[in-house]
Amino acid sequence: IFDVKAIMQQEHHDVDIMALDELFRPL
């Protein structure tokens, strides 16, 4: 029902996707 996306301020090389909440890596 809810497509939740995170938009980070950093440039993409500086973002560690595994450090973000698993809400943003849904199964």
PDB file of all heavy atoms in Angstrom:
ATOM      1  N   ILE A   1       0.825  -1.206   0.000  1.00  0.00           N
ATOM      2  CA  ILE A   1       0.000   0.000   0.000  1.00  0.00           C
ATOM      3  C   ILE A   1       0.862   1.260   0.000  1.00  0.00           C
ATOM      4  O   ILE A   1       0.519   2.255  -0.644  1.00  0.00           O
ATOM      5  CB  ILE A   1      -0.943   0.019   1.224  1.00  0.00           C
ATOM      6  CG1 ILE A   1      -1.783  -1.264   1.277  1.00  0.00           C
ATOM      7  CG2 ILE A   1      -1.843   1.258   1.187  1.00  0.00           C
ATOM      8  CD1 ILE A   1      -2.690  -1.443   0.089  1.00  0.00           C
ATOM      9  N   PHE A   2       1.994   1.213   0.694  1.00  0.00           N
ATOM     10  CA  PHE A   2       2.861   2.380   0.843  1.00  0.00           C
ATOM     11  C   PHE A   2       4.233   2.082   0.236  1.00  0.00           C
ATOM     12  O   PHE A   2       4.961   1.220   0.728  1.00  0.00           O
ATOM     13  CB  PHE A   2       3.019   2.744   2.324  1.00  0.00           C
ATOM     14  CG  PHE A   2       1.721   2.933   3.052  1.00  0.00           C
ATOM     15  CD1 PHE A   2       1.215   1.922   3.861  1.00  0.00           C
ATOM     16  CD2 PHE A   2       0.988   4.102   2.913  1.00  0.00           C
ATOM     17  CE1 PHE A   2       0.020   2.080   4.537  1.00  0.00           C
ATOM     18  CE2 PHE A   2      -0.218   4.270   3.582  1.00  0.00           C
ATOM     19  CZ  PHE A   2      -0.701   3.255   4.388  1.00  0.00           C
ATOM     20  N   ASP A   3       4.565   2.791  -0.813  1.00  0.00           N
ATOM     21  CA  ASP A   3       5.887   2.692  -1.418  1.00  0.00           C
ATOM     22  C   ASP A   3       6.754   3.769  -0.771  1.00  0.00           C
ATOM     23  O   ASP A   3       6.677   4.941  -1.130  1.00  0.00           O
ATOM     24  CB  ASP A   3       5.776   2.902  -2.928  1.00  0.00           C
ATOM     25  CG  ASP A   3       7.115   2.810  -3.634  1.00  0.00           C
ATOM     26  OD1 ASP A   3       8.080   2.319  -3.021  1.00  0.00           O
ATOM     27  OD2 ASP A   3       7.203   3.247  -4.803  1.00  0.00           O
ATOM     28  N   VAL A   4       7.561   3.362   0.204  1.00  0.00           N
ATOM     29  CA  VAL A   4       8.338   4.307   1.004  1.00  0.00           C
ATOM     30  C   VAL A   4       9.758   4.387   0.453  1.00  0.00           C
ATOM     31  O   VAL A   4      10.438   3.371   0.310  1.00  0.00           O
ATOM     32  CB  VAL A   4       8.374   3.880   2.483  1.00  0.00           C
ATOM     33  CG1 VAL A   4       9.121   4.922   3.317  1.00  0.00           C
ATOM     34  CG2 VAL A   4       6.966   3.673   3.019  1.00  0.00           C
ATOM     35  N   LYS A   5      10.204   5.610   0.158  1.00  0.00           N
ATOM     36  CA  LYS A   5      11.535   5.814  -0.401  1.00  0.00           C
ATOM     37  C   LYS A   5      12.308   6.820   0.453  1.00  0.00           C
ATOM     38  O   LYS A   5      11.732   7.785   0.972  1.00  0.00           O
ATOM     39  CB  LYS A   5      11.439   6.320  -1.846  1.00  0.00           C
ATOM     40  CG  LYS A   5      10.971   5.255  -2.834  1.00  0.00           C
ATOM     41  CD  LYS A   5      10.809   5.833  -4.226  1.00  0.00           C
ATOM     42  CE  LYS A   5      10.753   4.764  -5.305  1.00  0.00           C
ATOM     43  NZ  LYS A   5       9.715   3.776  -5.107  1.00  0.00           N
ATOM     44  N   ALA A   6      13.612   6.600   0.573  1.00  0.00           N
ATOM     45  CA  ALA A   6      14.499   7.521   1.272  1.00  0.00           C
ATOM     46  C   ALA A   6      15.283   8.331   0.251  1.00  0.00           C
ATOM     47  O   ALA A   6      15.804   7.773  -0.724  1.00  0.00           O
ATOM     48  CB  ALA A   6      15.456   6.752   2.175  1.00  0.00           C
ATOM     49  N   ILE A   7      15.367   9.638   0.452  1.00  0.00           N
ATOM     50  CA  ILE A   7      16.192  10.506  -0.392  1.00  0.00           C
ATOM     51  C   ILE A   7      17.250  11.131   0.502  1.00  0.00           C
ATOM     52  O   ILE A   7      16.944  11.901   1.425  1.00  0.00           O
ATOM     53  CB  ILE A   7      15.360  11.588  -1.105  1.00  0.00           C
ATOM     54  CG1 ILE A   7      14.311  10.962  -2.028  1.00  0.00           C
ATOM     55  CG2 ILE A   7      16.268  12.480  -1.932  1.00  0.00           C
ATOM     56  CD1 ILE A   7      12.972  10.768  -1.396  1.00  0.00           C
ATOM     57  N   MET A   8      18.498  10.770   0.230  1.00  0.00           N
ATOM     58  CA  MET A   8      19.607  11.174   1.080  1.00  0.00           C
ATOM     59  C   MET A   8      20.237  12.464   0.558  1.00  0.00           C
ATOM     60  O   MET A   8      20.228  12.738  -0.649  1.00  0.00           O
ATOM     61  CB  MET A   8      20.661  10.057   1.136  1.00  0.00           C
ATOM     62  CG  MET A   8      20.093   8.670   1.424  1.00  0.00           C
ATOM     63  SD  MET A   8      19.191   8.590   2.990  1.00  0.00           S
ATOM     64  CE  MET A   8      20.546   8.827   4.145  1.00  0.00           C
ATOM     65  N   GLN A   9      20.819  13.250   1.475  1.00  0.00           N
ATOM     66  CA  GLN A   9      21.466  14.496   1.079  1.00  0.00           C
ATOM     67  C   GLN A   9      22.844  14.262   0.473  1.00  0.00           C
ATOM     68  O   GLN A   9      23.315  15.055  -0.353  1.00  0.00           O
ATOM     69  CB  GLN A   9      21.598  15.429   2.291  1.00  0.00           C
ATOM     70  CG  GLN A   9      20.278  15.872   2.885  1.00  0.00           C
ATOM     71  CD  GLN A   9      20.458  16.923   3.968  1.00  0.00           C
ATOM     72  OE1 GLN A   9      21.395  17.728   3.936  1.00  0.00           O
ATOM     73  NE2 GLN A   9      19.551  16.915   4.949  1.00  0.00           N
ATOM     74  N   GLN A  10      23.509  13.170   0.849  1.00  0.00           N
ATOM     75  CA  GLN A  10      24.861  12.915   0.385  1.00  0.00           C
ATOM     76  C   GLN A  10      24.880  12.466  -1.081  1.00  0.00           C
ATOM     77  O   GLN A  10      23.894  11.974  -1.618  1.00  0.00           O
ATOM     78  CB  GLN A  10      25.527  11.814   1.227  1.00  0.00           C
ATOM     79  CG  GLN A  10      25.578  12.107   2.722  1.00  0.00           C
ATOM     80  CD  GLN A  10      24.411  11.482   3.463  1.00  0.00           C
ATOM     81  OE1 GLN A  10      23.287  11.517   2.986  1.00  0.00           O
ATOM     82  NE2 GLN A  10      24.693  10.922   4.638  1.00  0.00           N
ATOM     83  N   GLU A  11      26.042  12.601  -1.694  1.00  0.00           N
ATOM     84  CA  GLU A  11      26.270  12.014  -3.007  1.00  0.00           C
ATOM     85  C   GLU A  11      26.222  10.491  -2.873  1.00  0.00           C
ATOM     86  O   GLU A  11      26.549   9.958  -1.811  1.00  0.00           O
ATOM     87  CB  GLU A  11      27.643  12.499  -3.526  1.00  0.00           C
ATOM     88  CG  GLU A  11      27.883  12.228  -4.993  1.00  0.00           C
ATOM     89  CD  GLU A  11      28.630  10.916  -5.218  1.00  0.00           C
ATOM     90  OE1 GLU A  11      29.242  10.406  -4.255  1.00  0.00           O
ATOM     91  OE2 GLU A  11      28.608  10.420  -6.363  1.00  0.00           O
ATOM     92  N   HIS A  12      25.812   9.785  -3.916  1.00  0.00           N
ATOM     93  CA  HIS A  12      25.450   8.367  -3.767  1.00  0.00           C
ATOM     94  C   HIS A  12      26.602   7.490  -3.280  1.00  0.00           C
ATOM     95  O   HIS A  12      26.370   6.481  -2.595  1.00  0.00           O
ATOM     96  CB  HIS A  12      24.871   7.813  -5.070  1.00  0.00           C
ATOM     97  CG  HIS A  12      25.853   7.612  -6.178  1.00  0.00           C
ATOM     98  ND1 HIS A  12      26.296   8.648  -6.973  1.00  0.00           N
ATOM     99  CD2 HIS A  12      26.471   6.492  -6.619  1.00  0.00           C
ATOM    100  CE1 HIS A  12      27.133   8.169  -7.870  1.00  0.00           C
ATOM    101  NE2 HIS A  12      27.265   6.877  -7.673  1.00  0.00           N
ATOM    102  N   HIS A  13      27.864   7.846  -3.599  1.00  0.00           N
ATOM    103  CA  HIS A  13      28.984   7.026  -3.126  1.00  0.00           C
ATOM    104  C   HIS A  13      29.147   7.088  -1.610  1.00  0.00           C
ATOM    105  O   HIS A  13      29.789   6.211  -1.009  1.00  0.00           O
ATOM    106  CB  HIS A  13      30.283   7.486  -3.803  1.00  0.00           C
ATOM    107  CG  HIS A  13      30.384   7.078  -5.233  1.00  0.00           C
ATOM    108  ND1 HIS A  13      30.830   7.905  -6.232  1.00  0.00           N
ATOM    109  CD2 HIS A  13      30.076   5.904  -5.849  1.00  0.00           C
ATOM    110  CE1 HIS A  13      30.806   7.275  -7.395  1.00  0.00           C
ATOM    111  NE2 HIS A  13      30.333   6.062  -7.190  1.00  0.00           N
ATOM    112  N   ASP A  14      28.583   8.111  -1.001  1.00  0.00           N
ATOM    113  CA  ASP A  14      28.719   8.281   0.448  1.00  0.00           C
ATOM    114  C   ASP A  14      27.554   7.683   1.232  1.00  0.00           C
ATOM    115  O   ASP A  14      27.467   7.879   2.450  1.00  0.00           O
ATOM    116  CB  ASP A  14      28.829   9.775   0.778  1.00  0.00           C
ATOM    117  CG  ASP A  14      30.081  10.411   0.177  1.00  0.00           C
ATOM    118  OD1 ASP A  14      31.092   9.703   0.064  1.00  0.00           O
ATOM    119  OD2 ASP A  14      30.012  11.604  -0.211  1.00  0.00           O
ATOM    120  N   VAL A  15      26.676   6.975   0.560  1.00  0.00           N
ATOM    121  CA  VAL A  15      25.520   6.363   1.226  1.00  0.00           C
ATOM    122  C   VAL A  15      25.749   4.857   1.341  1.00  0.00           C
ATOM    123  O   VAL A  15      25.990   4.174   0.332  1.00  0.00           O
ATOM    124  CB  VAL A  15      24.218   6.635   0.451  1.00  0.00           C
ATOM    125  CG1 VAL A  15      23.037   5.941   1.134  1.00  0.00           C
ATOM    126  CG2 VAL A  15      23.958   8.134   0.336  1.00  0.00           C
ATOM    127  N   ASP A  16      25.668   4.338   2.549  1.00  0.00           N
ATOM    128  CA  ASP A  16      25.775   2.903   2.802  1.00  0.00           C
ATOM    129  C   ASP A  16      24.357   2.348   2.955  1.00  0.00           C
ATOM    130  O   ASP A  16      23.717   2.532   3.984  1.00  0.00           O
ATOM    131  CB  ASP A  16      26.593   2.651   4.073  1.00  0.00           C
ATOM    132  CG  ASP A  16      26.744   1.167   4.397  1.00  0.00           C
ATOM    133  OD1 ASP A  16      26.210   0.322   3.625  1.00  0.00           O
ATOM    134  OD2 ASP A  16      27.366   0.854   5.425  1.00  0.00           O
ATOM    135  N   ILE A  17      23.875   1.666   1.920  1.00  0.00           N
ATOM    136  CA  ILE A  17      22.492   1.204   1.962  1.00  0.00           C
ATOM    137  C   ILE A  17      22.268   0.179   3.068  1.00  0.00           C
ATOM    138  O   ILE A  17      21.159   0.063   3.599  1.00  0.00           O
ATOM    139  CB  ILE A  17      22.039   0.630   0.607  1.00  0.00           C
ATOM    140  CG1 ILE A  17      22.867  -0.598   0.207  1.00  0.00           C
ATOM    141  CG2 ILE A  17      22.089   1.690  -0.484  1.00  0.00           C
ATOM    142  CD1 ILE A  17      22.331  -1.284  -1.046  1.00  0.00           C
ATOM    143  N   MET A  18      23.303  -0.547   3.444  1.00  0.00           N
ATOM    144  CA  MET A  18      23.132  -1.559   4.480  1.00  0.00           C
ATOM    145  C   MET A  18      23.056  -0.942   5.871  1.00  0.00           C
ATOM    146  O   MET A  18      22.634  -1.600   6.826  1.00  0.00           O
ATOM    147  CB  MET A  18      24.287  -2.564   4.428  1.00  0.00           C
ATOM    148  CG  MET A  18      24.432  -3.262   3.080  1.00  0.00           C
ATOM    149  SD  MET A  18      22.891  -3.988   2.455  1.00  0.00           S
ATOM    150  CE  MET A  18      22.633  -5.294   3.653  1.00  0.00           C
ATOM    151  N   ALA A  19      23.433   0.337   5.982  1.00  0.00           N
ATOM    152  CA  ALA A  19      23.349   1.009   7.279  1.00  0.00           C
ATOM    153  C   ALA A  19      21.982   1.627   7.514  1.00  0.00           C
ATOM    154  O   ALA A  19      21.663   2.004   8.646  1.00  0.00           O
ATOM    155  CB  ALA A  19      24.435   2.083   7.375  1.00  0.00           C
ATOM    156  N   LEU A  20      21.183   1.719   6.469  1.00  0.00           N
ATOM    157  CA  LEU A  20      19.850   2.301   6.611  1.00  0.00           C
ATOM    158  C   LEU A  20      18.873   1.255   7.130  1.00  0.00           C
ATOM    159  O   LEU A  20      19.092   0.035   7.007  1.00  0.00           O
ATOM    160  CB  LEU A  20      19.370   2.847   5.274  1.00  0.00           C
ATOM    161  CG  LEU A  20      20.167   4.031   4.702  1.00  0.00           C
ATOM    162  CD1 LEU A  20      19.512   4.526   3.421  1.00  0.00           C
ATOM    163  CD2 LEU A  20      20.277   5.162   5.715  1.00  0.00           C
ATOM    164  N   ASP A  21      17.779   1.717   7.679  1.00  0.00           N
ATOM    165  CA  ASP A  21      16.764   0.821   8.239  1.00  0.00           C
ATOM    166  C   ASP A  21      16.260  -0.142   7.164  1.00  0.00           C
ATOM    167  O   ASP A  21      16.142   0.208   5.975  1.00  0.00           O
ATOM    168  CB  ASP A  21      15.594   1.641   8.780  1.00  0.00           C
ATOM    169  CG  ASP A  21      14.659   0.801   9.634  1.00  0.00           C
ATOM    170  OD1 ASP A  21      13.774   0.140   9.048  1.00  0.00           O
ATOM    171  OD2 ASP A  21      14.805   0.812  10.862  1.00  0.00           O
ATOM    172  N   GLU A  22      15.939  -1.348   7.580  1.00  0.00           N
ATOM    173  CA  GLU A  22      15.483  -2.361   6.616  1.00  0.00           C
ATOM    174  C   GLU A  22      14.139  -2.021   5.995  1.00  0.00           C
ATOM    175  O   GLU A  22      13.719  -2.661   5.028  1.00  0.00           O
ATOM    176  CB  GLU A  22      15.420  -3.741   7.273  1.00  0.00           C
ATOM    177  CG  GLU A  22      14.470  -3.826   8.448  1.00  0.00           C
ATOM    178  CD  GLU A  22      14.614  -5.150   9.193  1.00  0.00           C
ATOM    179  OE1 GLU A  22      15.555  -5.276  10.006  1.00  0.00           O
ATOM    180  OE2 GLU A  22      13.783  -6.056   8.934  1.00  0.00           O
ATOM    181  N   LEU A  23      13.460  -0.977   6.505  1.00  0.00           N
ATOM    182  CA  LEU A  23      12.262  -0.479   5.833  1.00  0.00           C
ATOM    183  C   LEU A  23      12.571  -0.131   4.387  1.00  0.00           C
ATOM    184  O   LEU A  23      11.716  -0.305   3.510  1.00  0.00           O
ATOM    185  CB  LEU A  23      11.738   0.761   6.564  1.00  0.00           C
ATOM    186  CG  LEU A  23      10.568   1.499   5.909  1.00  0.00           C
ATOM    187  CD1 LEU A  23       9.276   0.680   6.035  1.00  0.00           C
ATOM    188  CD2 LEU A  23      10.382   2.877   6.526  1.00  0.00           C
ATOM    189  N   PHE A  24      13.798   0.354   4.147  1.00  0.00           N
ATOM    190  CA  PHE A  24      14.193   0.775   2.810  1.00  0.00           C
ATOM    191  C   PHE A  24      14.845  -0.352   2.007  1.00  0.00           C
ATOM    192  O   PHE A  24      15.332  -0.117   0.899  1.00  0.00           O
ATOM    193  CB  PHE A  24      15.141   1.973   2.908  1.00  0.00           C
ATOM    194  CG  PHE A  24      14.568   3.128   3.667  1.00  0.00           C
ATOM    195  CD1 PHE A  24      15.158   3.565   4.848  1.00  0.00           C
ATOM    196  CD2 PHE A  24      13.420   3.768   3.235  1.00  0.00           C
ATOM    197  CE1 PHE A  24      14.632   4.627   5.567  1.00  0.00           C
ATOM    198  CE2 PHE A  24      12.870   4.829   3.948  1.00  0.00           C
ATOM    199  CZ  PHE A  24      13.478   5.258   5.119  1.00  0.00           C
ATOM    200  N   ARG A  25      14.847  -1.548   2.563  1.00  0.00           N
ATOM    201  CA  ARG A  25      15.281  -2.750   1.835  1.00  0.00           C
ATOM    202  C   ARG A  25      14.219  -3.836   2.039  1.00  0.00           C
ATOM    203  O   ARG A  25      14.507  -4.915   2.566  1.00  0.00           O
ATOM    204  CB  ARG A  25      16.651  -3.216   2.338  1.00  0.00           C
ATOM    205  CG  ARG A  25      17.815  -2.305   1.932  1.00  0.00           C
ATOM    206  CD  ARG A  25      19.139  -2.723   2.545  1.00  0.00           C
ATOM    207  NE  ARG A  25      19.236  -2.346   3.956  1.00  0.00           N
ATOM    208  CZ  ARG A  25      19.241  -3.191   4.965  1.00  0.00           C
ATOM    209  NH1 ARG A  25      19.132  -4.486   4.751  1.00  0.00           N
ATOM    210  NH2 ARG A  25      19.345  -2.759   6.215  1.00  0.00           N
ATOM    211  N   PRO A  26      12.974  -3.560   1.640  1.00  0.00           N
ATOM    212  CA  PRO A  26      11.882  -4.485   1.955  1.00  0.00           C
ATOM    213  C   PRO A  26      12.000  -5.789   1.173  1.00  0.00           C
ATOM    214  O   PRO A  26      12.605  -5.846   0.092  1.00  0.00           O
ATOM    215  CB  PRO A  26      10.638  -3.695   1.538  1.00  0.00           C
ATOM    216  CG  PRO A  26      11.125  -2.813   0.433  1.00  0.00           C
ATOM    217  CD  PRO A  26      12.511  -2.404   0.841  1.00  0.00           C
ATOM    218  N   LEU A  27      11.390  -6.820   1.725  1.00  0.00           N
ATOM    219  CA  LEU A  27      11.344  -8.124   1.072  1.00  0.00           C
ATOM    220  C   LEU A  27      10.020  -8.258   0.338  1.00  0.00           C
ATOM    221  O   LEU A  27       8.973  -7.851   0.833  1.00  0.00           O
ATOM    222  CB  LEU A  27      11.491  -9.236   2.110  1.00  0.00           C
ATOM    223  CG  LEU A  27      12.723  -9.149   3.014  1.00  0.00           C
ATOM    224  CD1 LEU A  27      12.716 -10.287   4.029  1.00  0.00           C
ATOM    225  CD2 LEU A  27      14.005  -9.145   2.209  1.00  0.00           C
TER     226      LEU A  27
END
